[in-house]
N, C-alpha and C. Protein backbone atom coordinates (compact mmCIF):
# COMPACT_ATOMS: atom_id res chain seq x y z
N MET A 1 68.10 128.60 130.96
CA MET A 1 67.07 127.60 130.73
C MET A 1 67.44 127.15 129.34
N ILE A 2 67.28 127.80 128.23
CA ILE A 2 68.22 127.55 127.21
C ILE A 2 69.55 127.38 126.91
N ALA A 3 70.52 127.84 127.62
CA ALA A 3 71.49 127.58 127.67
C ALA A 3 72.23 126.53 128.29
N GLY A 4 71.14 125.91 129.55
CA GLY A 4 71.48 124.61 129.87
C GLY A 4 71.21 123.34 128.72
N VAL A 5 69.98 123.58 128.02
CA VAL A 5 69.56 122.75 126.83
C VAL A 5 70.57 122.77 125.74
N VAL A 6 71.08 123.68 125.36
CA VAL A 6 72.27 123.89 124.46
C VAL A 6 73.52 123.05 125.12
N LEU A 7 74.13 123.23 126.02
CA LEU A 7 75.08 122.52 126.63
C LEU A 7 74.70 120.92 127.10
N ALA A 8 73.33 120.73 127.38
CA ALA A 8 73.16 119.31 127.14
C ALA A 8 73.18 118.56 125.72
N VAL A 9 72.72 119.04 124.86
CA VAL A 9 72.73 118.71 123.53
C VAL A 9 74.15 118.45 123.05
N ILE A 10 75.14 119.43 123.60
CA ILE A 10 76.73 119.44 123.14
C ILE A 10 77.22 118.24 123.78
N ALA A 11 76.65 117.91 124.91
CA ALA A 11 77.67 116.93 126.05
C ALA A 11 76.98 115.78 125.16
N LEU A 12 75.78 115.58 124.54
CA LEU A 12 75.02 114.25 124.45
C LEU A 12 75.88 114.13 122.92
N ALA A 13 76.29 115.21 122.23
CA ALA A 13 76.88 114.83 120.75
C ALA A 13 78.30 114.44 120.87
N LEU A 14 79.18 115.26 121.85
CA LEU A 14 80.02 114.87 122.16
C LEU A 14 80.44 113.28 122.86
N ALA A 15 79.29 112.94 123.64
CA ALA A 15 79.34 111.60 124.24
C ALA A 15 79.04 110.45 122.81
N ALA A 16 78.40 110.96 121.95
CA ALA A 16 78.11 110.19 120.99
C ALA A 16 79.10 110.20 120.04
N LEU A 17 79.97 110.95 119.77
CA LEU A 17 80.86 110.99 118.99
C LEU A 17 82.11 110.22 119.49
N LEU A 18 82.61 110.46 120.99
CA LEU A 18 83.42 109.22 121.38
C LEU A 18 83.07 107.90 121.89
N ILE A 19 81.78 107.65 121.90
CA ILE A 19 81.38 106.42 121.64
C ILE A 19 81.43 105.68 120.27
N PHE A 20 81.30 106.58 119.32
CA PHE A 20 81.33 106.06 118.05
C PHE A 20 82.71 106.01 117.94
N ALA A 21 83.63 106.74 118.06
CA ALA A 21 85.34 106.56 117.82
C ALA A 21 85.63 105.15 118.39
N ALA A 22 84.91 105.21 120.11
CA ALA A 22 85.62 103.84 120.45
C ALA A 22 85.34 102.29 119.72
N SER A 23 84.01 102.71 118.88
CA SER A 23 83.60 101.38 118.18
C SER A 23 84.33 100.96 117.06
N ARG A 24 85.50 101.92 116.64
CA ARG A 24 86.28 101.91 115.62
C ARG A 24 87.18 100.49 115.87
N PRO A 25 87.70 99.84 114.90
CA PRO A 25 88.61 98.75 114.88
C PRO A 25 90.10 99.19 115.66
N SER A 26 90.46 98.25 115.99
CA SER A 26 91.54 98.75 117.24
C SER A 26 93.03 98.06 116.32
N ILE A 27 92.84 97.93 115.21
CA ILE A 27 93.89 97.57 113.93
C ILE A 27 93.50 98.74 112.71
N PHE A 28 94.55 99.22 112.15
CA PHE A 28 94.32 99.65 110.56
C PHE A 28 94.92 98.94 109.84
N ARG A 29 94.70 99.21 108.51
CA ARG A 29 95.11 98.57 107.50
C ARG A 29 94.77 99.45 106.16
N VAL A 30 95.98 99.96 105.40
CA VAL A 30 95.84 100.43 104.10
C VAL A 30 96.75 99.29 103.22
N ALA A 31 96.20 99.48 101.92
CA ALA A 31 96.73 98.56 100.86
C ALA A 31 96.45 99.09 99.67
N ARG A 32 97.46 99.16 98.75
CA ARG A 32 97.13 99.33 97.17
C ARG A 32 98.10 98.58 96.49
N SER A 33 97.39 98.30 95.24
CA SER A 33 98.14 97.46 94.56
C SER A 33 98.46 98.04 92.95
N ALA A 34 99.62 97.81 92.29
CA ALA A 34 99.76 98.12 91.06
C ALA A 34 100.28 96.84 90.04
N ARG A 35 99.68 96.61 88.83
CA ARG A 35 100.33 95.92 87.72
C ARG A 35 101.29 96.68 87.06
N ILE A 36 102.66 95.88 87.16
CA ILE A 36 104.21 96.67 86.49
C ILE A 36 104.55 95.70 85.36
N LEU A 37 104.78 96.17 84.34
CA LEU A 37 105.32 95.27 83.13
C LEU A 37 106.76 95.20 83.28
N ALA A 38 107.04 94.19 84.51
CA ALA A 38 108.42 93.82 84.78
C ALA A 38 108.58 92.73 85.59
N SER A 39 109.57 91.85 85.39
CA SER A 39 109.46 90.96 86.18
C SER A 39 109.77 91.23 87.84
N ALA A 40 109.42 90.34 88.76
CA ALA A 40 109.70 90.28 90.02
C ALA A 40 111.22 90.62 90.16
N GLU A 41 112.24 89.85 89.35
CA GLU A 41 113.21 89.88 89.70
C GLU A 41 114.08 91.37 89.77
N LYS A 42 113.06 92.13 89.02
CA LYS A 42 113.74 93.49 88.53
C LYS A 42 113.25 94.22 89.62
N ILE A 43 111.92 94.22 90.09
CA ILE A 43 111.12 95.19 91.27
C ILE A 43 111.57 94.80 92.43
N LEU A 44 112.21 93.61 92.93
CA LEU A 44 112.50 93.30 94.34
C LEU A 44 113.60 94.33 94.65
N PRO A 45 114.72 94.23 93.63
CA PRO A 45 115.66 95.34 94.03
C PRO A 45 115.34 96.71 94.19
N LEU A 46 114.30 97.23 93.90
CA LEU A 46 113.87 98.51 94.02
C LEU A 46 113.22 98.69 95.40
N ILE A 47 112.79 97.80 95.66
CA ILE A 47 112.03 98.04 97.42
C ILE A 47 112.84 97.57 98.35
N ASN A 48 113.78 96.38 97.98
CA ASN A 48 114.28 95.59 99.38
C ASN A 48 115.78 96.59 99.58
N ASP A 49 116.70 97.40 98.42
CA ASP A 49 117.72 98.34 98.93
C ASP A 49 117.25 99.31 99.16
N ILE A 50 117.40 99.81 100.40
CA ILE A 50 116.41 101.20 101.03
C ILE A 50 117.08 102.56 100.30
N HIS A 51 118.31 102.68 99.59
CA HIS A 51 118.67 103.66 98.99
C HIS A 51 117.81 103.69 97.67
N ARG A 52 117.67 102.58 96.96
CA ARG A 52 116.88 102.61 95.51
C ARG A 52 115.29 103.08 95.75
N PHE A 53 114.82 102.37 97.41
CA PHE A 53 113.44 102.48 97.67
C PHE A 53 113.06 103.95 97.62
N ASN A 54 114.11 104.92 98.42
CA ASN A 54 114.15 106.25 98.20
C ASN A 54 113.90 106.76 97.34
N THR A 55 114.29 106.48 95.99
CA THR A 55 114.24 107.19 95.08
C THR A 55 112.65 107.11 94.16
N TRP A 56 111.87 106.35 94.91
CA TRP A 56 110.27 106.60 94.17
C TRP A 56 109.87 106.65 95.55
N ASN A 57 110.11 106.28 96.69
CA ASN A 57 109.26 106.38 97.98
C ASN A 57 108.79 107.85 97.87
N PRO A 58 107.45 107.88 97.81
CA PRO A 58 106.65 109.67 97.62
C PRO A 58 106.80 110.46 98.84
N TYR A 59 107.13 109.72 99.96
CA TYR A 59 107.27 110.58 100.84
C TYR A 59 108.69 111.23 101.18
N ASN A 60 109.59 110.73 100.19
CA ASN A 60 110.96 111.54 100.25
C ASN A 60 110.38 112.82 98.94
N HIS A 61 110.02 112.59 98.37
CA HIS A 61 109.39 113.90 97.54
C HIS A 61 108.89 115.04 98.50
N LYS A 62 108.15 114.66 99.52
CA LYS A 62 107.31 115.64 99.83
C LYS A 62 107.87 116.79 100.24
N ASP A 63 109.00 116.41 100.96
CA ASP A 63 110.01 117.70 101.81
C ASP A 63 111.58 117.44 100.99
N PRO A 64 112.08 118.16 100.02
CA PRO A 64 113.11 118.14 99.55
C PRO A 64 114.40 118.46 100.25
N THR A 65 113.85 118.90 101.61
CA THR A 65 114.74 119.46 102.65
C THR A 65 115.26 118.45 103.79
N MET A 66 113.91 117.34 103.76
CA MET A 66 114.32 116.29 104.85
C MET A 66 115.60 116.05 104.92
N LYS A 67 116.14 116.03 106.50
CA LYS A 67 117.33 115.45 106.95
C LYS A 67 117.06 113.82 106.96
N ALA A 68 118.10 112.98 106.45
CA ALA A 68 117.94 111.84 106.14
C ALA A 68 119.38 111.26 106.46
N THR A 69 119.42 109.94 107.11
CA THR A 69 120.47 109.31 107.40
C THR A 69 120.23 107.64 107.09
N TYR A 70 121.26 107.09 106.49
CA TYR A 70 121.04 105.74 106.44
C TYR A 70 121.98 104.87 107.50
N ARG A 71 121.64 103.71 107.90
CA ARG A 71 122.43 102.88 108.68
C ARG A 71 122.15 101.48 108.05
N GLY A 72 123.00 100.49 108.84
CA GLY A 72 122.93 99.14 108.16
C GLY A 72 123.46 98.86 107.03
N PRO A 73 123.32 97.79 106.18
CA PRO A 73 123.60 97.51 104.95
C PRO A 73 122.56 98.35 103.98
N ASN A 74 123.17 98.39 102.78
CA ASN A 74 122.26 98.80 101.76
C ASN A 74 120.81 98.02 101.46
N ALA A 75 121.02 96.80 101.83
CA ALA A 75 119.36 96.24 101.37
C ALA A 75 119.46 94.88 102.27
N GLY A 76 118.11 94.63 102.40
CA GLY A 76 117.98 93.17 103.11
C GLY A 76 117.67 93.89 104.72
N PRO A 77 117.48 92.70 105.46
CA PRO A 77 117.19 93.00 107.15
C PRO A 77 118.39 94.17 107.58
N GLY A 78 117.97 94.90 108.39
CA GLY A 78 119.20 95.72 108.98
C GLY A 78 119.10 96.98 108.04
N ALA A 79 118.95 97.04 106.70
CA ALA A 79 118.84 98.07 106.15
C ALA A 79 117.44 99.30 106.82
N ALA A 80 118.49 100.37 106.86
CA ALA A 80 117.17 101.36 107.48
C ALA A 80 117.68 102.77 107.27
N PHE A 81 116.69 103.63 107.63
CA PHE A 81 116.68 104.93 107.10
C PHE A 81 115.83 105.81 108.24
N ASP A 82 116.80 107.03 108.89
CA ASP A 82 115.84 107.75 109.71
C ASP A 82 115.98 109.22 108.86
N PHE A 83 114.81 109.54 109.12
CA PHE A 83 114.38 110.70 108.83
C PHE A 83 113.86 111.88 109.55
N GLU A 84 113.82 113.03 109.10
CA GLU A 84 113.41 113.92 110.04
C GLU A 84 112.96 115.34 109.01
N GLY A 85 111.74 115.91 108.55
CA GLY A 85 111.32 116.36 107.66
C GLY A 85 110.17 117.46 108.54
N SER A 86 109.40 118.16 107.22
CA SER A 86 108.40 119.06 107.63
C SER A 86 107.50 118.01 108.37
N LYS A 87 105.83 119.06 108.44
CA LYS A 87 104.78 118.23 109.00
C LYS A 87 104.55 117.27 107.86
N ASN A 88 104.56 117.43 106.78
CA ASN A 88 104.05 116.24 105.59
C ASN A 88 104.78 115.24 105.86
N VAL A 89 105.98 115.19 106.38
CA VAL A 89 106.99 113.67 106.46
C VAL A 89 106.98 113.36 107.85
N GLY A 90 107.32 114.46 108.78
CA GLY A 90 107.49 113.64 110.24
C GLY A 90 108.69 113.52 110.35
N LYS A 91 108.76 112.69 111.41
CA LYS A 91 110.35 112.41 111.95
C LYS A 91 109.89 110.51 112.31
N GLY A 92 111.10 110.02 112.08
CA GLY A 92 110.83 108.32 112.45
C GLY A 92 111.88 107.68 111.59
N SER A 93 111.74 106.42 111.48
CA SER A 93 112.73 105.53 110.76
C SER A 93 111.75 104.46 110.19
N ILE A 94 112.46 103.93 109.20
CA ILE A 94 112.08 102.49 108.37
C ILE A 94 113.11 101.52 108.36
N GLU A 95 112.87 100.40 108.62
CA GLU A 95 114.01 99.22 108.57
C GLU A 95 113.18 98.04 107.96
N ILE A 96 114.09 97.54 107.17
CA ILE A 96 113.64 96.40 106.50
C ILE A 96 113.93 95.46 107.80
N ILE A 97 113.07 94.41 108.02
CA ILE A 97 113.28 93.20 109.06
C ILE A 97 113.08 91.98 108.64
N GLN A 98 112.45 91.82 108.00
CA GLN A 98 112.27 90.40 107.09
C GLN A 98 113.28 89.91 106.11
N PRO A 99 113.69 88.56 106.42
CA PRO A 99 114.57 88.15 105.12
C PRO A 99 113.57 88.51 103.93
N SER A 100 114.39 89.42 103.14
CA SER A 100 113.60 89.34 101.52
C SER A 100 113.79 88.24 100.56
N GLY A 101 112.74 87.68 100.24
CA GLY A 101 112.92 86.58 99.22
C GLY A 101 112.31 87.09 98.15
N PRO A 102 112.07 86.36 96.75
CA PRO A 102 111.42 86.92 95.82
C PRO A 102 110.11 87.33 95.77
N ASN A 103 109.37 87.16 96.81
CA ASN A 103 107.90 87.70 96.94
C ASN A 103 107.50 88.57 98.12
N ARG A 104 108.46 89.11 98.76
CA ARG A 104 108.08 89.84 99.83
C ARG A 104 109.10 90.85 100.68
N VAL A 105 109.03 91.87 101.15
CA VAL A 105 109.69 92.72 101.68
C VAL A 105 108.61 93.14 103.05
N THR A 106 109.27 93.23 104.09
CA THR A 106 108.80 93.91 105.28
C THR A 106 109.63 94.54 105.86
N MET A 107 108.78 95.65 106.40
CA MET A 107 109.69 96.86 107.15
C MET A 107 108.73 97.11 108.24
N THR A 108 109.76 97.93 109.09
CA THR A 108 108.87 98.37 110.21
C THR A 108 108.84 100.12 110.01
N LEU A 109 107.85 100.70 110.53
CA LEU A 109 108.06 102.27 110.42
C LEU A 109 107.60 102.62 111.65
N ASP A 110 108.47 103.42 112.17
CA ASP A 110 108.45 104.10 113.77
C ASP A 110 108.46 105.14 113.46
N MET A 111 107.34 105.84 113.70
CA MET A 111 107.21 107.49 113.85
C MET A 111 107.44 108.08 115.19
N THR A 112 108.16 109.22 115.34
CA THR A 112 108.27 109.99 116.35
C THR A 112 107.35 111.36 116.60
N ALA A 113 107.15 111.76 115.04
CA ALA A 113 106.85 112.85 115.30
C ALA A 113 105.70 112.97 113.95
N PRO A 114 105.05 113.57 113.47
CA PRO A 114 103.94 114.17 114.38
C PRO A 114 103.25 113.48 115.66
N MET A 115 103.24 111.99 115.58
CA MET A 115 102.28 111.46 116.51
C MET A 115 103.11 110.11 116.29
N ALA A 116 103.29 109.48 117.86
CA ALA A 116 104.07 107.99 117.75
C ALA A 116 103.53 107.10 117.21
N CYS A 117 103.81 106.35 116.13
CA CYS A 117 103.33 105.17 115.80
C CYS A 117 104.23 104.09 115.70
N HIS A 118 104.07 102.86 115.39
CA HIS A 118 104.71 101.77 115.32
C HIS A 118 104.14 100.49 114.15
N ASN A 119 104.21 100.81 113.10
CA ASN A 119 103.57 100.02 112.12
C ASN A 119 104.52 99.29 111.13
N ILE A 120 103.91 98.06 110.56
CA ILE A 120 104.33 97.42 109.74
C ILE A 120 103.97 97.53 108.36
N ILE A 121 105.23 97.25 107.31
CA ILE A 121 104.80 97.73 105.96
C ILE A 121 105.19 96.56 105.17
N ASP A 122 104.13 95.90 104.52
CA ASP A 122 104.47 94.81 103.38
C ASP A 122 104.62 94.93 102.16
N PHE A 123 105.70 94.64 101.42
CA PHE A 123 105.48 94.55 100.07
C PHE A 123 105.33 93.45 99.30
N VAL A 124 104.45 93.09 98.88
CA VAL A 124 104.00 91.52 98.39
C VAL A 124 104.02 91.78 96.68
N ILE A 125 105.16 90.82 96.10
CA ILE A 125 105.54 90.79 94.72
C ILE A 125 105.13 89.73 93.93
N GLU A 126 103.91 89.52 93.26
CA GLU A 126 103.35 88.51 92.69
C GLU A 126 103.53 88.61 90.94
N PRO A 127 104.47 87.54 90.55
CA PRO A 127 104.28 87.56 89.30
C PRO A 127 103.04 87.23 88.77
N GLU A 128 102.86 87.82 87.36
CA GLU A 128 101.34 87.59 86.86
C GLU A 128 101.71 87.50 85.22
N GLY A 129 101.95 86.09 84.71
CA GLY A 129 102.52 86.24 83.35
C GLY A 129 103.37 87.06 83.10
N ASN A 130 103.41 88.08 82.01
CA ASN A 130 104.70 88.92 81.66
C ASN A 130 104.55 90.33 82.51
N ALA A 131 104.08 90.35 83.65
CA ALA A 131 103.93 91.32 84.79
C ALA A 131 104.11 91.03 85.94
N THR A 132 104.15 91.88 86.78
CA THR A 132 104.22 91.75 88.53
C THR A 132 103.51 92.59 89.15
N VAL A 133 102.48 92.02 90.08
CA VAL A 133 101.48 92.76 90.46
C VAL A 133 102.25 93.15 92.11
N VAL A 134 102.29 94.51 92.49
CA VAL A 134 102.91 94.61 93.86
C VAL A 134 101.88 95.53 94.67
N THR A 135 101.65 94.44 95.93
CA THR A 135 101.24 95.25 96.89
C THR A 135 101.79 95.94 97.90
N TRP A 136 101.54 97.30 98.14
CA TRP A 136 102.13 98.01 99.14
C TRP A 136 101.37 97.93 100.50
N ALA A 137 101.17 97.48 101.55
CA ALA A 137 99.89 97.23 102.76
C ALA A 137 101.09 98.08 104.13
N MET A 138 100.02 98.73 104.53
CA MET A 138 100.35 99.07 105.96
C MET A 138 99.45 98.86 107.04
N HIS A 139 100.00 98.16 108.24
CA HIS A 139 98.87 97.93 109.36
C HIS A 139 99.85 98.28 110.57
N GLY A 140 98.77 98.63 111.59
CA GLY A 140 99.60 98.64 112.76
C GLY A 140 98.42 98.64 114.03
N PRO A 141 98.71 99.08 115.23
CA PRO A 141 97.47 99.52 116.32
C PRO A 141 96.75 100.47 116.09
N ASN A 142 95.64 100.95 116.01
CA ASN A 142 94.89 102.00 116.02
C ASN A 142 94.29 102.56 117.58
N PRO A 143 95.10 103.34 118.18
CA PRO A 143 94.81 103.72 119.62
C PRO A 143 93.87 104.70 119.79
N PHE A 144 92.82 104.82 120.64
CA PHE A 144 91.89 105.92 120.56
C PHE A 144 92.21 107.05 119.83
N ILE A 145 93.35 107.57 120.39
CA ILE A 145 93.45 109.25 119.52
C ILE A 145 93.31 108.81 117.92
N GLY A 146 93.81 107.52 117.38
CA GLY A 146 93.59 107.15 115.85
C GLY A 146 92.35 107.06 115.53
N LYS A 147 91.54 106.59 116.54
CA LYS A 147 90.07 106.16 116.18
C LYS A 147 89.44 107.61 116.14
N LEU A 148 89.62 108.34 117.14
CA LEU A 148 89.03 109.56 116.89
C LEU A 148 89.20 110.54 115.60
N MET A 149 90.52 110.43 115.26
CA MET A 149 90.98 111.00 114.05
C MET A 149 90.56 110.38 113.06
N SER A 150 90.08 109.24 112.99
CA SER A 150 89.51 108.35 111.53
C SER A 150 87.94 108.83 111.44
N VAL A 151 87.24 109.51 112.50
CA VAL A 151 85.95 109.67 112.41
C VAL A 151 85.98 111.24 111.62
N VAL A 152 86.99 112.11 111.38
CA VAL A 152 87.04 113.51 110.58
C VAL A 152 88.07 113.22 109.71
N PHE A 153 88.90 112.10 109.66
CA PHE A 153 90.01 111.92 108.16
C PHE A 153 89.81 110.31 107.94
N ASN A 154 89.86 110.64 106.78
CA ASN A 154 90.02 109.30 105.94
C ASN A 154 91.33 108.72 105.63
N MET A 155 91.69 108.10 106.79
CA MET A 155 93.47 107.66 106.64
C MET A 155 93.57 106.78 105.31
N ASP A 156 92.60 105.89 105.25
CA ASP A 156 92.62 104.76 103.99
C ASP A 156 93.01 105.85 102.88
N ARG A 157 91.93 106.96 102.46
CA ARG A 157 92.04 107.84 101.34
C ARG A 157 93.59 108.44 101.59
N MET A 158 94.02 109.14 102.44
CA MET A 158 95.04 109.93 102.70
C MET A 158 96.19 109.27 102.34
N VAL A 159 96.59 108.19 103.00
CA VAL A 159 98.01 107.41 102.97
C VAL A 159 97.66 106.56 101.63
N GLY A 160 96.48 105.93 101.26
CA GLY A 160 96.41 105.18 100.04
C GLY A 160 96.66 105.93 98.81
N ARG A 161 96.27 107.29 98.83
CA ARG A 161 96.67 108.32 97.89
C ARG A 161 98.41 108.34 97.62
N ASP A 162 98.85 108.47 98.70
CA ASP A 162 100.54 108.16 98.60
C ASP A 162 101.20 106.87 98.32
N PHE A 163 100.61 105.68 98.49
CA PHE A 163 101.08 104.59 97.99
C PHE A 163 100.62 104.69 96.60
N ASP A 164 99.59 104.94 96.04
CA ASP A 164 99.24 105.05 94.71
C ASP A 164 100.44 105.67 93.82
N ALA A 165 100.80 106.95 94.41
CA ALA A 165 101.72 107.81 93.88
C ALA A 165 102.96 107.16 94.13
N GLY A 166 103.00 106.11 94.80
CA GLY A 166 104.56 105.52 95.14
C GLY A 166 104.75 104.46 94.16
N LEU A 167 103.57 103.78 93.96
CA LEU A 167 103.45 102.59 93.07
C LEU A 167 103.46 103.28 91.70
N ALA A 168 103.12 104.20 91.39
CA ALA A 168 103.34 104.84 89.99
C ALA A 168 104.50 105.41 89.81
N SER A 169 105.08 105.55 90.49
CA SER A 169 106.60 106.03 90.50
C SER A 169 107.60 104.55 90.10
N LEU A 170 107.58 103.72 91.30
CA LEU A 170 107.90 102.24 90.84
C LEU A 170 107.70 101.57 89.60
N LYS A 171 106.30 102.05 89.36
CA LYS A 171 105.95 101.19 87.85
C LYS A 171 107.05 101.85 86.65
N THR A 172 107.13 103.29 86.56
CA THR A 172 107.76 103.95 85.65
C THR A 172 109.26 103.53 85.71
N LEU A 173 109.52 103.46 87.07
CA LEU A 173 111.07 103.56 87.20
C LEU A 173 111.74 101.69 86.70
N ALA A 174 110.31 100.79 86.83
CA ALA A 174 110.78 99.48 86.55
C ALA A 174 110.46 99.18 85.07
N GLU A 175 109.37 99.95 84.39
CA GLU A 175 109.27 99.85 82.96
C GLU A 175 109.94 100.66 82.23
N HIS A 176 110.63 101.68 82.65
CA HIS A 176 111.41 102.25 81.65
C HIS A 176 112.56 102.82 82.70
N PRO A 177 113.41 102.06 83.06
CA PRO A 177 114.84 102.33 83.44
C PRO A 177 115.47 103.70 82.90
């Protein structure tokens, strides 16, 4: 009798968790911004050139033994980077897809491990007096497994922490070359 009640309570709790997860948004978005004391013209090449991007990209610093291959041009649409690293980095590719102008660089992030995902990354570069505000944002679909994981893990905080670290490195590089 008691075992049946315990099983019923566990089943109800599990059902509530699954219903709550299903109610989460179908699209996720993470964004962070930094004010950098440098011109947009100085900052843009540090993002738009995939080789220079990886000098401050925090994910490249998480696994110094990561296997990396560049393809396409060094900068602008078609510039790409394939990577395979530890569980902290995963496996996938980043490619610049939008014509980069003075105010935006758009990339795709296609992960194959530890979990498949296809996200869009936008860097928005906005001059502000003698400084520039750079916003690093990522968005994409949030399938049920992502919704379920978001109940336990705060993805905005986890990814946002990496974005903050990357923007701090970009700031140092742009302000003190």
